[in-house]
Amino acid sequence: MSTATLFRITFFLAAPFWALMIFAPGWTGTRRVIGSPWIVLPPLAVYTVFAVGEFGTLWPVVSSPDLGAPRGTPEGAAAIWAHLVAFDLFIGRWMYHDARQRGVHHAFLAPILVLTIPLPPFGLLAYLLARSVAASRVAVPAR
């Protein structure tokens, strides 16, 4: 399979898991599937294919970053993309579980998960803010 093809399909390997968290959060199947940290395996497999094959080129880029001189190969870029997709999915999985545990309503979580797909740092920040607001709204028992 070509580098371009693997690059293009990497997100689509993670998309079904995002769809479950966003559109079917309460379904038993979603809880079971998203309960496994192994959902990140498909994009990590793509990462491994590229990272192992391009380790000699990839290692200098990640171990000694230099903005002045872009380096790398299309395979290295595809590896970094797969890395991002896997870790973004892992963050989304954490938010899904944490929200359920803390009682953050899915009406707040769903748009945050959607935001997390293209802009993970903003999605994580939005979730942490929503989580703080939800925690502050917990009713104090009446005396």
C-alpha atoms as a PDB file:
ATOM      1  CA  MET A   1       0.000   0.000   0.000  1.00  0.00           C
ATOM      2  CA  SER A   2       1.373   3.430  -0.863  1.00  0.00           C
ATOM      3  CA  THR A   3       2.381   6.099   1.613  1.00  0.00           C
ATOM      4  CA  ALA A   4      -0.311   8.428   0.288  1.00  0.00           C
ATOM      5  CA  THR A   5      -3.015   5.779   0.690  1.00  0.00           C
ATOM      6  CA  LEU A   6      -2.007   4.910   4.248  1.00  0.00           C
ATOM      7  CA  PHE A   7      -1.802   8.601   5.087  1.00  0.00           C
ATOM      8  CA  ARG A   8      -5.334   9.177   3.756  1.00  0.00           C
ATOM      9  CA  ILE A   9      -6.910   6.220   5.557  1.00  0.00           C
ATOM     10  CA  THR A  10      -5.259   6.790   8.956  1.00  0.00           C
ATOM     11  CA  PHE A  11      -8.030   9.046  10.255  1.00  0.00           C
ATOM     12  CA  PHE A  12     -10.705   6.722   8.898  1.00  0.00           C
ATOM     13  CA  LEU A  13      -9.272   3.943  11.068  1.00  0.00           C
ATOM     14  CA  ALA A  14     -10.095   6.061  14.119  1.00  0.00           C
ATOM     15  CA  ALA A  15     -13.367   7.586  12.858  1.00  0.00           C
ATOM     16  CA  PRO A  16     -15.687   4.721  13.926  1.00  0.00           C
ATOM     17  CA  PHE A  17     -14.547   5.113  17.530  1.00  0.00           C
ATOM     18  CA  TRP A  18     -15.161   8.867  17.445  1.00  0.00           C
ATOM     19  CA  ALA A  19     -18.608   8.207  15.940  1.00  0.00           C
ATOM     20  CA  LEU A  20     -19.502   5.813  18.748  1.00  0.00           C
ATOM     21  CA  MET A  21     -18.471   8.308  21.438  1.00  0.00           C
ATOM     22  CA  ILE A  22     -20.316  11.186  19.780  1.00  0.00           C
ATOM     23  CA  PHE A  23     -23.478   9.566  18.402  1.00  0.00           C
ATOM     24  CA  ALA A  24     -24.061   6.474  20.586  1.00  0.00           C
ATOM     25  CA  PRO A  25     -22.542   7.321  23.975  1.00  0.00           C
ATOM     26  CA  GLY A  26     -24.963   5.292  26.070  1.00  0.00           C
ATOM     27  CA  TRP A  27     -25.047   2.169  23.924  1.00  0.00           C
ATOM     28  CA  THR A  28     -23.666  -0.896  25.679  1.00  0.00           C
ATOM     29  CA  GLY A  29     -21.506  -1.654  22.654  1.00  0.00           C
ATOM     30  CA  THR A  30     -19.949   1.809  22.822  1.00  0.00           C
ATOM     31  CA  ARG A  31     -19.088   1.417  26.491  1.00  0.00           C
ATOM     32  CA  ARG A  32     -17.549  -1.981  25.786  1.00  0.00           C
ATOM     33  CA  VAL A  33     -15.566  -0.903  22.706  1.00  0.00           C
ATOM     34  CA  ILE A  34     -14.397   2.448  24.086  1.00  0.00           C
ATOM     35  CA  GLY A  35     -13.578   0.723  27.364  1.00  0.00           C
ATOM     36  CA  SER A  36     -10.566  -0.827  25.688  1.00  0.00           C
ATOM     37  CA  PRO A  37      -7.413   1.253  25.297  1.00  0.00           C
ATOM     38  CA  TRP A  38      -6.663  -0.934  22.253  1.00  0.00           C
ATOM     39  CA  ILE A  39      -8.941   1.226  20.085  1.00  0.00           C
ATOM     40  CA  VAL A  40      -5.812   3.215  19.254  1.00  0.00           C
ATOM     41  CA  LEU A  41      -4.202   0.149  17.674  1.00  0.00           C
ATOM     42  CA  PRO A  42      -5.255   0.802  14.034  1.00  0.00           C
ATOM     43  CA  PRO A  43      -3.551   4.219  13.753  1.00  0.00           C
ATOM     44  CA  LEU A  44      -0.643   2.955  15.869  1.00  0.00           C
ATOM     45  CA  ALA A  45      -0.188   0.090  13.405  1.00  0.00           C
ATOM     46  CA  VAL A  46       0.121   2.651  10.592  1.00  0.00           C
ATOM     47  CA  TYR A  47       2.569   4.607  12.740  1.00  0.00           C
ATOM     48  CA  THR A  48       4.641   1.498  13.327  1.00  0.00           C
ATOM     49  CA  VAL A  49       4.804   0.682   9.616  1.00  0.00           C
ATOM     50  CA  PHE A  50       6.184   4.133   8.853  1.00  0.00           C
ATOM     51  CA  ALA A  51       8.283   4.678  11.976  1.00  0.00           C
ATOM     52  CA  VAL A  52      10.125   1.377  11.713  1.00  0.00           C
ATOM     53  CA  GLY A  53      10.803   1.839   8.017  1.00  0.00           C
ATOM     54  CA  GLU A  54      11.904   5.454   8.430  1.00  0.00           C
ATOM     55  CA  PHE A  55      13.497   5.319  11.883  1.00  0.00           C
ATOM     56  CA  GLY A  56      16.856   6.604  10.609  1.00  0.00           C
ATOM     57  CA  THR A  57      15.165   9.693   9.170  1.00  0.00           C
ATOM     58  CA  LEU A  58      12.475  10.106  11.826  1.00  0.00           C
ATOM     59  CA  TRP A  59      14.692   9.908  14.918  1.00  0.00           C
ATOM     60  CA  PRO A  60      16.815  12.992  14.138  1.00  0.00           C
ATOM     61  CA  VAL A  61      13.664  15.017  13.406  1.00  0.00           C
ATOM     62  CA  VAL A  62      11.965  14.173  16.716  1.00  0.00           C
ATOM     63  CA  SER A  63      15.053  13.990  18.920  1.00  0.00           C
ATOM     64  CA  SER A  64      16.521  17.315  17.798  1.00  0.00           C
ATOM     65  CA  PRO A  65      13.735  19.537  16.447  1.00  0.00           C
ATOM     66  CA  ASP A  66      14.870  22.483  14.355  1.00  0.00           C
ATOM     67  CA  LEU A  67      12.414  25.013  12.940  1.00  0.00           C
ATOM     68  CA  GLY A  68      15.062  26.534  10.710  1.00  0.00           C
ATOM     69  CA  ALA A  69      15.595  23.480   8.561  1.00  0.00           C
ATOM     70  CA  PRO A  70      12.580  21.316   7.804  1.00  0.00           C
ATOM     71  CA  ARG A  71      13.675  17.723   7.406  1.00  0.00           C
ATOM     72  CA  GLY A  72      11.972  14.466   6.813  1.00  0.00           C
ATOM     73  CA  THR A  73      10.208  12.425   4.206  1.00  0.00           C
ATOM     74  CA  PRO A  74       6.603  11.831   3.219  1.00  0.00           C
ATOM     75  CA  GLU A  75       6.807   8.574   5.188  1.00  0.00           C
ATOM     76  CA  GLY A  76       8.007  10.478   8.255  1.00  0.00           C
ATOM     77  CA  ALA A  77       5.155  12.961   7.890  1.00  0.00           C
ATOM     78  CA  ALA A  78       2.696  10.064   7.591  1.00  0.00           C
ATOM     79  CA  ALA A  79       4.170   8.526  10.758  1.00  0.00           C
ATOM     80  CA  ILE A  80       3.729  11.775  12.655  1.00  0.00           C
ATOM     81  CA  TRP A  81       0.147  12.069  11.369  1.00  0.00           C
ATOM     82  CA  ALA A  82      -0.659   8.532  12.555  1.00  0.00           C
ATOM     83  CA  HIS A  83       0.926   9.367  15.922  1.00  0.00           C
ATOM     84  CA  LEU A  84      -1.337  12.421  16.254  1.00  0.00           C
ATOM     85  CA  VAL A  85      -4.470  10.517  15.244  1.00  0.00           C
ATOM     86  CA  ALA A  86      -3.754   7.770  17.802  1.00  0.00           C
ATOM     87  CA  PHE A  87      -3.038  10.144  20.671  1.00  0.00           C
ATOM     88  CA  ASP A  88      -5.997  12.384  19.840  1.00  0.00           C
ATOM     89  CA  LEU A  89      -8.240   9.324  19.963  1.00  0.00           C
ATOM     90  CA  PHE A  90      -6.726   8.349  23.300  1.00  0.00           C
ATOM     91  CA  ILE A  91      -7.502  11.829  24.664  1.00  0.00           C
ATOM     92  CA  GLY A  92     -11.071  11.591  23.316  1.00  0.00           C
ATOM     93  CA  ARG A  93     -11.447   8.193  24.964  1.00  0.00           C
ATOM     94  CA  TRP A  94     -10.266   9.634  28.272  1.00  0.00           C
ATOM     95  CA  MET A  95     -12.726  12.548  28.011  1.00  0.00           C
ATOM     96  CA  TYR A  96     -15.579  10.144  27.213  1.00  0.00           C
ATOM     97  CA  HIS A  97     -14.857   8.022  30.296  1.00  0.00           C
ATOM     98  CA  ASP A  98     -14.118  10.948  32.569  1.00  0.00           C
ATOM     99  CA  ALA A  99     -17.325  12.743  31.552  1.00  0.00           C
ATOM    100  CA  ARG A 100     -19.412   9.650  32.272  1.00  0.00           C
ATOM    101  CA  GLN A 101     -17.729   9.209  35.639  1.00  0.00           C
ATOM    102  CA  ARG A 102     -18.155  12.869  36.612  1.00  0.00           C
ATOM    103  CA  GLY A 103     -21.665  13.298  35.255  1.00  0.00           C
ATOM    104  CA  VAL A 104     -20.757  15.805  32.524  1.00  0.00           C
ATOM    105  CA  HIS A 105     -23.846  15.790  30.317  1.00  0.00           C
ATOM    106  CA  HIS A 106     -23.313  14.424  26.819  1.00  0.00           C
ATOM    107  CA  ALA A 107     -24.905  17.539  25.315  1.00  0.00           C
ATOM    108  CA  PHE A 108     -21.758  19.364  26.475  1.00  0.00           C
ATOM    109  CA  LEU A 109     -19.333  16.552  25.702  1.00  0.00           C
ATOM    110  CA  ALA A 110     -20.402  15.778  22.111  1.00  0.00           C
ATOM    111  CA  PRO A 111     -19.446  19.161  20.616  1.00  0.00           C
ATOM    112  CA  ILE A 112     -16.204  19.073  22.583  1.00  0.00           C
ATOM    113  CA  LEU A 113     -15.390  15.673  21.100  1.00  0.00           C
ATOM    114  CA  VAL A 114     -16.149  17.062  17.633  1.00  0.00           C
ATOM    115  CA  LEU A 115     -13.802  19.987  18.351  1.00  0.00           C
ATOM    116  CA  THR A 116     -11.130  17.579  19.604  1.00  0.00           C
ATOM    117  CA  ILE A 117     -10.933  15.759  16.270  1.00  0.00           C
ATOM    118  CA  PRO A 118      -9.425  18.661  14.282  1.00  0.00           C
ATOM    119  CA  LEU A 119      -8.084  20.758  17.199  1.00  0.00           C
ATOM    120  CA  PRO A 120      -7.183  18.452  20.096  1.00  0.00           C
ATOM    121  CA  PRO A 121      -5.514  21.029  22.365  1.00  0.00           C
ATOM    122  CA  PHE A 122      -8.593  23.264  22.165  1.00  0.00           C
ATOM    123  CA  GLY A 123     -10.890  20.267  22.675  1.00  0.00           C
ATOM    124  CA  LEU A 124      -8.977  19.189  25.761  1.00  0.00           C
ATOM    125  CA  LEU A 125      -9.011  22.732  27.143  1.00  0.00           C
ATOM    126  CA  ALA A 126     -12.757  23.011  26.475  1.00  0.00           C
ATOM    127  CA  TYR A 127     -13.351  19.687  28.217  1.00  0.00           C
ATOM    128  CA  LEU A 128     -11.289  20.667  31.248  1.00  0.00           C
ATOM    129  CA  LEU A 129     -13.301  23.891  31.500  1.00  0.00           C
ATOM    130  CA  ALA A 130     -16.629  22.027  31.118  1.00  0.00           C
ATOM    131  CA  ARG A 131     -15.494  19.507  33.721  1.00  0.00           C
ATOM    132  CA  SER A 132     -14.653  22.344  36.139  1.00  0.00           C
ATOM    133  CA  VAL A 133     -18.036  23.981  35.590  1.00  0.00           C
ATOM    134  CA  ALA A 134     -19.820  20.651  36.086  1.00  0.00           C
ATOM    135  CA  ALA A 135     -17.877  20.027  39.307  1.00  0.00           C
ATOM    136  CA  SER A 136     -18.770  23.481  40.643  1.00  0.00           C
ATOM    137  CA  ARG A 137     -22.464  22.858  39.960  1.00  0.00           C
ATOM    138  CA  VAL A 138     -22.636  19.744  42.120  1.00  0.00           C
ATOM    139  CA  ALA A 139     -25.379  20.415  44.622  1.00  0.00           C
ATOM    140  CA  VAL A 140     -24.405  20.844  48.239  1.00  0.00           C
ATOM    141  CA  PRO A 141     -26.636  18.659  50.433  1.00  0.00           C
ATOM    142  CA  ALA A 142     -29.311  20.619  52.272  1.00  0.00           C
ATOM    143  CA  ARG A 143     -29.112  20.754  56.052  1.00  0.00           C
END
